[in-house]
N, C-alpha and C. Protein backbone atom coordinates (compact mmCIF):
# COMPACT_ATOMS: atom_id res chain seq x y z
N MET A 1 48.61 61.23 -6.26
CA MET A 1 49.64 62.37 -5.81
C MET A 1 48.81 63.29 -4.89
N LYS A 2 49.97 63.32 -3.77
CA LYS A 2 49.19 64.22 -2.49
C LYS A 2 50.04 65.46 -2.71
N GLN A 3 49.17 66.56 -2.75
CA GLN A 3 49.55 67.95 -3.04
C GLN A 3 50.45 68.60 -1.94
N ASN A 4 49.94 68.02 -0.61
CA ASN A 4 50.86 68.76 0.55
C ASN A 4 52.58 68.32 0.49
N LYS A 5 52.86 67.41 -0.13
CA LYS A 5 54.21 66.94 -0.24
C LYS A 5 55.01 67.83 -1.27
N PHE A 6 54.39 68.53 -2.02
CA PHE A 6 55.05 69.47 -2.83
C PHE A 6 54.91 71.17 -2.31
N ASN A 7 55.47 71.29 -0.89
CA ASN A 7 55.15 72.56 -0.31
C ASN A 7 56.80 73.37 -0.49
N GLN A 8 56.62 74.38 0.23
CA GLN A 8 57.95 75.12 0.14
C GLN A 8 59.42 74.23 0.29
N HIS A 9 59.34 73.22 1.42
CA HIS A 9 60.42 72.57 1.77
C HIS A 9 60.90 71.82 0.52
N TYR A 10 59.95 71.20 -0.24
CA TYR A 10 60.28 70.63 -1.54
C TYR A 10 60.86 71.38 -2.70
N PHE A 11 60.32 72.32 -3.10
CA PHE A 11 61.05 73.48 -4.03
C PHE A 11 62.07 74.24 -3.53
N PHE A 12 62.35 74.44 -2.30
CA PHE A 12 63.55 75.08 -1.94
C PHE A 12 63.97 74.35 -0.38
N GLY A 13 64.72 73.47 -0.86
CA GLY A 13 65.11 72.45 0.38
C GLY A 13 65.34 71.02 0.12
N LYS A 14 64.42 70.10 0.38
CA LYS A 14 64.61 68.76 0.54
C LYS A 14 64.87 68.09 -0.94
N VAL A 15 64.21 68.73 -2.03
CA VAL A 15 64.53 67.95 -3.32
C VAL A 15 65.41 68.96 -4.22
N TYR A 16 64.89 70.27 -4.13
CA TYR A 16 65.57 71.21 -5.15
C TYR A 16 66.13 72.41 -3.99
N LYS A 17 67.60 72.60 -4.36
CA LYS A 17 68.09 73.59 -3.21
C LYS A 17 67.33 74.89 -3.86
N ASN A 18 67.11 75.14 -5.03
CA ASN A 18 66.73 76.46 -5.40
C ASN A 18 65.93 76.02 -6.85
N TYR A 19 64.73 76.00 -6.59
CA TYR A 19 63.85 75.49 -7.78
C TYR A 19 63.84 76.64 -8.80
N ASP A 20 63.95 77.84 -8.51
CA ASP A 20 64.14 78.99 -9.46
C ASP A 20 65.46 78.73 -10.54
N THR A 21 66.66 78.22 -9.81
CA THR A 21 67.67 77.99 -10.49
C THR A 21 68.16 76.49 -11.06
N PHE A 22 67.31 75.70 -10.95
CA PHE A 22 67.50 74.34 -11.34
C PHE A 22 67.76 74.17 -12.67
N LEU A 23 67.02 74.94 -13.53
CA LEU A 23 66.99 74.88 -14.92
C LEU A 23 66.98 76.39 -15.34
N ASN A 24 67.73 76.25 -16.66
CA ASN A 24 67.62 77.76 -17.24
C ASN A 24 66.42 77.94 -18.03
N PHE A 25 65.28 78.52 -17.42
CA PHE A 25 63.91 78.54 -17.88
C PHE A 25 63.76 79.39 -19.04
N GLY A 26 64.79 80.38 -19.02
CA GLY A 26 64.96 81.27 -20.39
C GLY A 26 65.26 80.45 -21.57
N LYS A 27 66.44 79.81 -21.39
CA LYS A 27 67.03 79.28 -22.66
C LYS A 27 65.93 77.90 -22.98
N LEU A 28 65.13 77.33 -22.11
CA LEU A 28 64.56 76.30 -22.41
C LEU A 28 63.16 76.84 -23.13
N ALA A 29 62.54 78.12 -22.73
CA ALA A 29 61.61 78.69 -23.36
C ALA A 29 61.94 79.04 -24.84
N ARG A 30 62.94 79.70 -24.91
CA ARG A 30 63.84 79.77 -26.25
C ARG A 30 63.72 78.62 -27.27
N ASP A 31 64.30 77.68 -26.67
CA ASP A 31 64.31 76.05 -27.30
C ASP A 31 63.04 75.73 -27.91
N LEU A 32 62.21 75.87 -26.98
CA LEU A 32 60.88 75.44 -27.29
C LEU A 32 60.14 76.13 -28.25
N ILE A 33 60.21 77.53 -28.22
CA ILE A 33 59.74 78.33 -29.18
C ILE A 33 60.24 78.21 -30.58
N LYS A 34 61.54 77.90 -30.75
CA LYS A 34 62.59 77.83 -31.76
C LYS A 34 62.13 76.81 -32.52
N GLN A 35 62.04 75.24 -31.56
CA GLN A 35 61.94 73.91 -32.43
C GLN A 35 60.40 73.84 -32.83
N TYR A 36 59.33 74.44 -32.06
CA TYR A 36 57.86 74.06 -32.38
C TYR A 36 57.12 75.23 -32.68
N SER A 37 56.03 75.18 -33.55
CA SER A 37 55.30 76.21 -33.74
C SER A 37 53.80 76.13 -33.18
N PHE A 38 53.88 77.23 -32.32
CA PHE A 38 52.73 77.23 -31.57
C PHE A 38 52.53 78.68 -31.23
N ASP A 39 51.06 78.89 -31.06
CA ASP A 39 50.62 80.30 -30.51
C ASP A 39 49.96 79.93 -29.16
N SER A 40 49.68 78.91 -28.58
CA SER A 40 49.03 78.67 -27.05
C SER A 40 49.78 77.46 -26.73
N PHE A 41 49.96 77.53 -25.52
CA PHE A 41 50.89 76.75 -24.75
C PHE A 41 50.32 76.35 -23.24
N LEU A 42 50.43 75.07 -22.95
CA LEU A 42 50.06 74.73 -21.43
C LEU A 42 51.23 73.78 -20.98
N ASP A 43 51.78 73.98 -19.87
CA ASP A 43 52.68 73.25 -18.93
C ASP A 43 51.84 72.76 -17.97
N ILE A 44 51.66 71.40 -18.10
CA ILE A 44 51.02 70.60 -16.88
C ILE A 44 51.94 70.01 -15.84
N GLY A 45 51.86 70.46 -14.80
CA GLY A 45 52.82 70.41 -13.58
C GLY A 45 54.06 71.35 -13.81
N CYS A 46 53.51 72.57 -13.84
CA CYS A 46 54.42 73.88 -14.04
C CYS A 46 55.20 74.13 -12.72
N GLY A 47 54.95 73.47 -11.83
CA GLY A 47 55.56 73.96 -10.55
C GLY A 47 55.11 75.40 -10.26
N CYS A 48 56.46 76.20 -10.09
CA CYS A 48 56.12 77.71 -9.72
C CYS A 48 56.03 78.54 -10.92
N GLY A 49 55.88 78.22 -11.90
CA GLY A 49 55.31 78.90 -12.94
C GLY A 49 56.63 79.38 -13.57
N ASN A 50 57.89 78.90 -13.33
CA ASN A 50 58.86 79.56 -14.22
C ASN A 50 58.95 79.41 -15.60
N LEU A 51 58.57 78.58 -16.19
CA LEU A 51 58.83 78.16 -17.64
C LEU A 51 57.68 78.88 -18.23
N VAL A 52 56.25 78.76 -17.81
CA VAL A 52 55.29 79.64 -18.44
C VAL A 52 55.58 81.01 -18.51
N LYS A 53 56.04 81.40 -17.41
CA LYS A 53 56.24 83.11 -17.25
C LYS A 53 57.17 83.38 -18.43
N GLU A 54 58.27 82.79 -18.60
CA GLU A 54 59.09 82.81 -19.71
C GLU A 54 58.70 82.65 -21.04
N ILE A 55 57.86 81.72 -21.28
CA ILE A 55 57.16 81.27 -22.67
C ILE A 55 56.14 82.53 -22.88
N LYS A 56 55.45 82.73 -21.95
CA LYS A 56 54.52 83.96 -22.21
C LYS A 56 55.05 85.19 -22.64
N LYS A 57 56.02 85.36 -21.94
CA LYS A 57 57.02 86.60 -22.22
C LYS A 57 57.78 86.66 -23.63
N GLN A 58 58.46 85.51 -23.84
CA GLN A 58 59.03 85.58 -25.07
C GLN A 58 58.10 85.28 -26.33
N LEU A 59 57.24 84.50 -26.27
CA LEU A 59 56.22 84.33 -27.50
C LEU A 59 55.35 85.54 -27.80
N GLU A 60 54.78 86.19 -26.60
CA GLU A 60 54.10 87.38 -27.25
C GLU A 60 55.32 88.27 -27.60
N LYS A 61 56.42 88.41 -27.18
CA LYS A 61 57.28 89.44 -27.88
C LYS A 61 57.49 89.18 -29.17
N LYS A 62 57.67 87.55 -29.50
CA LYS A 62 57.75 87.33 -31.04
C LYS A 62 56.83 87.46 -31.93
N ASN A 63 55.24 87.18 -31.16
CA ASN A 63 54.10 87.22 -31.78
C ASN A 63 53.30 88.75 -32.09
N LYS A 64 53.78 89.75 -31.12
CA LYS A 64 53.48 91.03 -30.98
C LYS A 64 52.11 90.58 -30.72
N LYS A 65 51.50 89.85 -29.83
CA LYS A 65 50.17 89.88 -29.48
C LYS A 65 49.88 88.99 -28.14
N GLN A 66 48.91 89.04 -27.55
CA GLN A 66 48.58 88.18 -26.57
C GLN A 66 48.44 86.61 -26.91
N CYS A 67 48.92 85.86 -26.22
CA CYS A 67 49.06 84.43 -26.39
C CYS A 67 48.63 83.73 -25.25
N ASN A 68 47.76 82.71 -25.43
CA ASN A 68 47.19 81.95 -24.39
C ASN A 68 48.33 80.97 -23.77
N VAL A 69 48.91 81.20 -22.65
CA VAL A 69 49.74 80.40 -22.22
C VAL A 69 49.47 80.02 -20.92
N GLN A 70 49.26 78.90 -20.31
CA GLN A 70 48.60 78.69 -19.11
C GLN A 70 49.54 77.45 -18.55
N GLY A 71 49.45 77.46 -16.97
CA GLY A 71 50.32 76.33 -16.47
C GLY A 71 49.19 75.88 -15.36
N VAL A 72 49.35 74.46 -15.09
CA VAL A 72 48.73 74.00 -14.19
C VAL A 72 49.77 73.04 -12.85
N ASP A 73 49.09 73.22 -11.62
CA ASP A 73 49.89 72.33 -10.79
C ASP A 73 49.04 71.85 -9.70
N LEU A 74 49.51 70.85 -9.09
CA LEU A 74 48.79 70.30 -7.96
C LEU A 74 48.97 70.88 -6.54
N SER A 75 50.08 71.53 -6.58
CA SER A 75 50.57 72.15 -5.27
C SER A 75 50.27 73.58 -5.22
N GLU A 76 49.52 73.66 -4.08
CA GLU A 76 48.89 74.96 -3.58
C GLU A 76 50.25 76.26 -3.34
N TYR A 77 51.21 75.54 -2.80
CA TYR A 77 52.32 76.32 -2.56
C TYR A 77 52.84 76.92 -4.05
N ALA A 78 53.11 76.16 -4.94
CA ALA A 78 53.72 76.48 -6.35
C ALA A 78 52.82 77.31 -6.87
N VAL A 79 51.57 77.28 -7.04
CA VAL A 79 50.42 78.09 -7.71
C VAL A 79 50.54 79.38 -6.93
N LYS A 80 50.65 79.38 -5.66
CA LYS A 80 50.77 80.70 -4.86
C LYS A 80 51.81 81.58 -5.15
N ARG A 81 52.73 80.75 -5.20
CA ARG A 81 54.29 81.36 -5.42
C ARG A 81 54.45 81.79 -6.72
N ALA A 82 53.86 81.17 -7.89
CA ALA A 82 53.97 81.67 -9.24
C ALA A 82 53.27 83.10 -9.32
N GLY A 83 52.04 83.28 -8.37
CA GLY A 83 51.50 84.70 -8.44
C GLY A 83 50.95 85.17 -9.72
N VAL A 84 50.65 84.71 -10.56
CA VAL A 84 50.23 85.12 -11.75
C VAL A 84 48.89 84.44 -12.23
N PRO A 85 48.00 85.21 -12.69
CA PRO A 85 46.57 84.42 -13.02
C PRO A 85 46.67 83.31 -14.09
N PHE A 86 47.69 83.20 -14.74
CA PHE A 86 47.69 82.02 -15.90
C PHE A 86 48.17 80.92 -15.14
N VAL A 87 48.90 80.78 -14.19
CA VAL A 87 49.23 79.35 -13.39
C VAL A 87 47.96 79.04 -12.48
N THR A 88 47.18 77.97 -12.46
CA THR A 88 46.22 77.63 -11.77
C THR A 88 46.44 76.39 -11.16
N LEU A 89 45.68 76.25 -9.88
CA LEU A 89 45.59 74.75 -9.36
C LEU A 89 44.61 73.94 -10.08
N ALA A 90 45.42 72.78 -10.43
CA ALA A 90 44.66 71.49 -11.27
C ALA A 90 45.08 70.27 -11.06
N ASP A 91 44.34 69.28 -11.02
CA ASP A 91 44.64 67.83 -11.21
C ASP A 91 45.15 67.39 -12.80
N CYS A 92 46.02 67.06 -12.77
CA CYS A 92 46.44 66.56 -14.14
C CYS A 92 45.40 65.52 -14.90
N LYS A 93 44.72 64.93 -13.95
CA LYS A 93 43.76 63.85 -14.53
C LYS A 93 42.28 64.32 -14.62
N ASN A 94 42.31 65.92 -14.52
CA ASN A 94 40.91 66.54 -14.64
C ASN A 94 41.42 67.79 -15.11
N LEU A 95 41.73 68.33 -16.21
CA LEU A 95 42.20 69.65 -16.49
C LEU A 95 41.08 70.31 -16.74
N PRO A 96 41.03 71.69 -16.38
CA PRO A 96 40.00 72.74 -16.50
C PRO A 96 39.88 73.37 -17.81
N PHE A 97 40.35 72.79 -19.11
CA PHE A 97 39.99 73.27 -20.33
C PHE A 97 39.37 72.76 -21.33
N LEU A 98 39.05 73.51 -22.22
CA LEU A 98 38.14 72.66 -23.35
C LEU A 98 38.73 71.83 -24.16
N ASN A 99 38.44 70.86 -24.91
CA ASN A 99 39.27 70.04 -26.13
C ASN A 99 39.96 70.91 -26.95
N SER A 100 41.21 70.44 -27.42
CA SER A 100 41.95 71.05 -28.25
C SER A 100 42.44 72.68 -27.82
N SER A 101 42.38 73.05 -26.86
CA SER A 101 42.59 74.13 -26.51
C SER A 101 44.18 74.87 -26.43
N PHE A 102 44.91 73.89 -26.73
CA PHE A 102 46.39 74.53 -26.80
C PHE A 102 47.27 73.79 -27.90
N ASP A 103 48.01 74.73 -28.89
CA ASP A 103 48.54 74.00 -29.77
C ASP A 103 49.82 73.11 -29.25
N LEU A 104 50.45 73.26 -28.12
CA LEU A 104 51.52 72.66 -27.74
C LEU A 104 51.13 72.32 -26.21
N VAL A 105 51.23 71.11 -25.70
CA VAL A 105 51.44 70.82 -24.28
C VAL A 105 52.56 70.03 -23.73
N TYR A 106 52.95 70.65 -22.97
CA TYR A 106 54.43 70.45 -22.34
C TYR A 106 54.16 69.67 -20.94
N ILE A 107 54.99 68.27 -20.90
CA ILE A 107 55.01 67.97 -19.59
C ILE A 107 56.46 67.48 -19.21
N LEU A 108 56.80 68.27 -18.15
CA LEU A 108 58.22 67.70 -17.90
C LEU A 108 58.14 67.11 -16.13
N ALA A 109 58.70 65.71 -16.36
CA ALA A 109 58.74 65.23 -14.99
C ALA A 109 57.62 65.14 -14.10
N LEU A 110 56.56 64.91 -14.56
CA LEU A 110 55.40 64.96 -13.85
C LEU A 110 54.77 63.65 -13.57
N PHE A 111 54.46 62.87 -14.73
CA PHE A 111 53.86 61.63 -14.74
C PHE A 111 54.47 60.39 -13.83
N GLY A 112 55.76 60.53 -13.67
CA GLY A 112 56.15 59.72 -12.97
C GLY A 112 55.94 59.85 -11.33
N TYR A 113 55.27 60.96 -10.87
CA TYR A 113 54.94 61.03 -9.63
C TYR A 113 53.71 60.42 -9.49
N LEU A 114 52.73 60.06 -10.42
CA LEU A 114 51.47 59.34 -10.16
C LEU A 114 51.44 58.11 -9.55
N GLU A 115 50.50 57.81 -8.79
CA GLU A 115 50.54 56.87 -7.87
C GLU A 115 50.28 55.47 -8.74
N THR A 116 49.67 55.45 -9.73
CA THR A 116 49.51 54.08 -10.69
C THR A 116 49.48 54.36 -11.96
N LYS A 117 49.66 53.15 -13.15
CA LYS A 117 49.51 53.48 -14.20
C LYS A 117 48.53 53.68 -14.82
N LYS A 118 47.11 53.38 -14.16
CA LYS A 118 45.96 54.08 -14.55
C LYS A 118 46.01 55.40 -14.51
N ASP A 119 46.44 56.00 -13.27
CA ASP A 119 46.33 57.77 -13.09
C ASP A 119 47.26 58.11 -14.35
N ILE A 120 48.52 57.51 -14.74
CA ILE A 120 49.31 57.77 -15.81
C ILE A 120 48.56 57.88 -17.22
N VAL A 121 47.67 56.82 -17.43
CA VAL A 121 47.06 56.80 -18.37
C VAL A 121 45.96 57.82 -18.67
N ARG A 122 45.03 57.96 -17.39
CA ARG A 122 44.09 58.94 -17.30
C ARG A 122 44.62 60.65 -17.46
N ALA A 123 46.04 60.72 -16.97
CA ALA A 123 46.48 62.21 -17.11
C ALA A 123 47.04 62.36 -18.72
N MET A 124 47.33 61.03 -19.31
CA MET A 124 47.69 61.16 -20.93
C MET A 124 46.44 61.46 -21.69
N GLU A 125 45.37 60.91 -21.32
CA GLU A 125 44.25 61.27 -22.10
C GLU A 125 43.97 62.73 -21.73
N GLU A 126 43.98 63.34 -20.70
CA GLU A 126 43.67 64.55 -20.60
C GLU A 126 44.73 65.28 -21.18
N ALA A 127 45.91 65.33 -21.03
CA ALA A 127 47.13 66.04 -21.95
C ALA A 127 46.32 65.92 -23.37
N TYR A 128 45.96 64.64 -23.97
CA TYR A 128 45.61 64.61 -25.61
C TYR A 128 44.42 65.36 -25.61
N ARG A 129 43.57 65.44 -24.59
CA ARG A 129 42.36 66.14 -25.04
C ARG A 129 42.24 67.34 -25.05
N VAL A 130 43.12 68.20 -24.20
CA VAL A 130 43.35 69.53 -24.54
C VAL A 130 44.45 69.82 -25.54
N CYS A 131 45.22 69.11 -25.96
CA CYS A 131 46.11 69.14 -27.11
C CYS A 131 45.48 69.30 -28.56
N SER A 132 45.93 70.35 -29.42
CA SER A 132 45.34 70.51 -30.87
C SER A 132 46.36 70.01 -31.69
N LYS A 133 47.70 70.32 -31.34
CA LYS A 133 48.74 70.21 -32.33
C LYS A 133 49.71 69.17 -31.98
N GLN A 134 50.62 69.42 -30.79
CA GLN A 134 51.80 68.44 -30.40
C GLN A 134 51.91 68.45 -28.80
N ILE A 135 52.11 67.28 -28.41
CA ILE A 135 52.74 67.11 -27.10
C ILE A 135 54.11 66.90 -26.74
N VAL A 136 54.90 67.62 -25.97
CA VAL A 136 56.16 67.45 -25.57
C VAL A 136 56.48 66.70 -24.04
N PHE A 137 56.79 65.59 -24.18
CA PHE A 137 56.88 64.65 -23.07
C PHE A 137 58.16 64.63 -22.68
N GLU A 138 58.63 65.29 -21.55
CA GLU A 138 59.93 64.76 -20.82
C GLU A 138 59.72 64.35 -19.47
N ASP A 139 59.77 62.96 -19.57
CA ASP A 139 59.75 62.19 -18.07
C ASP A 139 60.53 60.90 -18.16
N VAL A 140 61.51 60.75 -19.07
CA VAL A 140 62.38 59.69 -18.96
C VAL A 140 63.50 59.93 -18.06
N TYR A 141 63.53 59.02 -17.24
CA TYR A 141 64.81 59.16 -16.06
C TYR A 141 65.23 57.76 -16.02
N ASN A 142 66.51 57.89 -15.84
CA ASN A 142 67.07 56.66 -14.97
C ASN A 142 66.96 56.70 -13.51
N ILE A 143 67.21 55.58 -12.52
CA ILE A 143 66.87 55.71 -11.21
C ILE A 143 68.29 56.22 -10.98
N PRO A 144 68.15 57.53 -10.40
CA PRO A 144 69.31 58.07 -9.81
C PRO A 144 69.67 57.63 -8.28
N PRO A 145 70.97 57.48 -8.07
CA PRO A 145 71.24 57.28 -6.62
C PRO A 145 70.90 58.22 -5.61
N ALA A 146 70.49 58.08 -4.60
CA ALA A 146 70.07 59.01 -3.43
C ALA A 146 70.95 60.00 -3.20
N SER A 147 72.26 59.73 -3.35
CA SER A 147 73.18 61.07 -3.18
C SER A 147 73.10 61.82 -4.26
N SER A 148 72.36 61.63 -5.58
CA SER A 148 72.43 62.69 -6.74
C SER A 148 71.65 63.66 -6.61
N ASP A 149 72.01 64.72 -7.36
CA ASP A 149 71.53 65.87 -7.26
C ASP A 149 69.88 65.59 -8.06
N ASP A 150 69.64 64.78 -8.78
CA ASP A 150 68.62 64.32 -9.47
C ASP A 150 67.71 63.34 -8.83
N TYR A 151 67.95 62.99 -7.67
CA TYR A 151 67.11 62.06 -6.82
C TYR A 151 66.16 62.56 -6.28
N ASP A 152 65.01 62.18 -6.63
CA ASP A 152 63.59 62.91 -5.75
C ASP A 152 63.05 61.81 -5.23
N PRO A 153 62.69 61.44 -3.86
CA PRO A 153 62.23 60.56 -3.01
C PRO A 153 60.70 60.40 -3.56
N TYR A 154 60.11 61.33 -4.09
CA TYR A 154 58.45 61.19 -4.36
C TYR A 154 58.23 60.67 -5.69
N ARG A 155 59.19 60.71 -6.42
CA ARG A 155 58.75 59.69 -7.90
C ARG A 155 58.43 58.34 -7.51
N VAL A 156 57.46 57.98 -8.43
CA VAL A 156 57.01 56.45 -8.04
C VAL A 156 57.44 55.75 -9.50
N HIS A 157 57.55 56.21 -10.25
CA HIS A 157 57.91 55.39 -11.55
C HIS A 157 58.95 55.82 -12.37
N PHE A 158 59.84 54.96 -12.69
CA PHE A 158 61.15 55.51 -13.57
C PHE A 158 61.00 54.45 -14.73
N LEU A 159 60.43 54.91 -15.82
CA LEU A 159 60.32 54.17 -16.97
C LEU A 159 60.89 54.77 -18.32
N ASN A 160 61.49 53.80 -19.21
CA ASN A 160 62.59 54.28 -20.10
C ASN A 160 61.52 54.76 -21.20
N GLN A 161 61.96 55.27 -22.42
CA GLN A 161 61.29 55.65 -23.43
C GLN A 161 60.53 54.82 -23.76
N ASN A 162 60.96 53.70 -24.45
CA ASN A 162 59.86 52.57 -24.71
C ASN A 162 58.55 52.37 -23.85
N GLU A 163 58.96 52.45 -22.70
CA GLU A 163 57.82 51.94 -21.58
C GLU A 163 56.76 53.43 -21.65
N TRP A 164 57.24 54.31 -21.69
CA TRP A 164 56.23 55.83 -21.70
C TRP A 164 55.71 55.75 -23.33
N ARG A 165 56.48 55.28 -24.29
CA ARG A 165 55.93 55.25 -25.53
C ARG A 165 54.50 54.46 -25.51
N ASP A 166 54.75 52.95 -24.95
CA ASP A 166 53.93 52.15 -24.86
C ASP A 166 52.56 52.59 -23.98
N LEU A 167 52.71 53.53 -22.99
CA LEU A 167 51.53 53.89 -22.32
C LEU A 167 50.92 54.87 -23.10
N TRP A 168 51.66 55.66 -23.87
CA TRP A 168 51.13 56.66 -24.94
C TRP A 168 50.39 56.39 -25.91
N LEU A 169 50.94 55.10 -26.26
CA LEU A 169 50.12 54.45 -27.78
C LEU A 169 48.64 54.13 -27.34
N LYS A 170 48.29 53.83 -25.81
CA LYS A 170 46.94 53.18 -25.28
C LYS A 170 45.95 54.56 -25.67
N VAL A 171 46.87 55.98 -26.19
CA VAL A 171 45.83 57.06 -26.10
C VAL A 171 45.56 57.47 -27.50
N LEU A 172 46.66 57.38 -28.22
CA LEU A 172 46.96 58.12 -29.31
C LEU A 172 45.76 57.44 -30.47
N LYS A 173 45.34 58.43 -31.25
CA LYS A 173 44.70 57.65 -32.46
C LYS A 173 45.63 57.03 -33.66
N LYS A 174 45.15 56.28 -34.59
CA LYS A 174 45.71 55.58 -35.58
C LYS A 174 46.72 56.44 -36.38
N ASP A 175 46.41 57.44 -36.69
CA ASP A 175 47.04 58.23 -37.68
C ASP A 175 48.19 59.48 -36.93
N ASP A 176 48.02 59.46 -35.26
CA ASP A 176 48.98 60.37 -34.69
C ASP A 176 50.51 59.68 -35.07
N ARG A 177 51.35 60.65 -34.75
CA ARG A 177 52.78 60.55 -35.09
C ARG A 177 53.51 60.30 -33.47
N ILE A 178 54.58 59.41 -33.27
CA ILE A 178 55.06 59.62 -32.16
C ILE A 178 56.73 59.43 -32.36
N GLU A 179 57.28 60.02 -31.81
CA GLU A 179 58.78 60.10 -32.15
C GLU A 179 59.78 60.40 -30.78
N PHE A 180 60.65 59.80 -30.92
CA PHE A 180 61.94 60.29 -29.83
C PHE A 180 62.78 61.44 -30.29
N ASN A 181 62.74 62.41 -29.62
CA ASN A 181 63.52 63.59 -29.85
C ASN A 181 64.83 63.48 -28.70
N GLN A 182 66.01 62.87 -28.76
CA GLN A 182 66.73 62.67 -27.76
C GLN A 182 65.78 62.45 -26.43
N GLU A 183 65.84 62.96 -25.53
CA GLU A 183 65.27 62.46 -23.98
C GLU A 183 63.65 62.76 -24.14
N GLU A 184 63.10 63.46 -25.04
CA GLU A 184 61.60 63.83 -25.35
C GLU A 184 61.17 62.64 -25.98
N ILE A 185 59.60 62.62 -25.85
CA ILE A 185 58.87 62.09 -26.57
C ILE A 185 57.67 63.14 -27.18
N VAL A 186 57.64 63.25 -28.45
CA VAL A 186 57.04 64.12 -29.39
C VAL A 186 55.95 63.44 -29.83
N ILE A 187 54.66 63.96 -29.85
CA ILE A 187 53.57 63.53 -30.26
C ILE A 187 52.84 64.61 -30.88
N THR A 188 52.54 64.16 -32.38
CA THR A 188 51.81 65.19 -33.12
C THR A 188 50.54 64.52 -33.73
N LYS A 189 49.86 65.21 -33.37
CA LYS A 189 48.11 64.79 -33.72
C LYS A 189 48.03 65.05 -35.06
N LYS A 190 47.13 64.34 -35.80
CA LYS A 190 46.53 64.11 -36.94
C LYS A 190 45.30 64.67 -36.87
């Protein structure tokens, strides 16, 4: 995946008209905090950091303490635009964190951009390595028409849930649990 593709034109023009408003990041953060139990959170492929900023704000308000909330992205533009120390430049295949650093690891629409399935499995291994409890994976898409708002010319892989599950199963340990939750794949480590 080449980081120079994911520039200002990508986030505010070519693919997203306005990245800041394409999702309701506040609602997504509330839903994740309500649905999953975590004190530490990593968003792999966090873009401009909108979700991690919301998670940090809401989780720290709920817990009344500082929480380890981090985001990583390969785009220099996105990390610079995020403008916070907890969003850093990193490759999802080589994360700069210790093993089991985060209760919840979140991945939205990232692995489909990786060039090969070998790259995807490597990124899954890294997500698994830094996770202590759960991974929420949302990268299940149908191939949208080029005229659709959901079309992204940079996506390489469009896999269904079963195909993504089969890739995750190459990484998981025997007693781990993998479940479908609507469009999400949720992995619980044992």
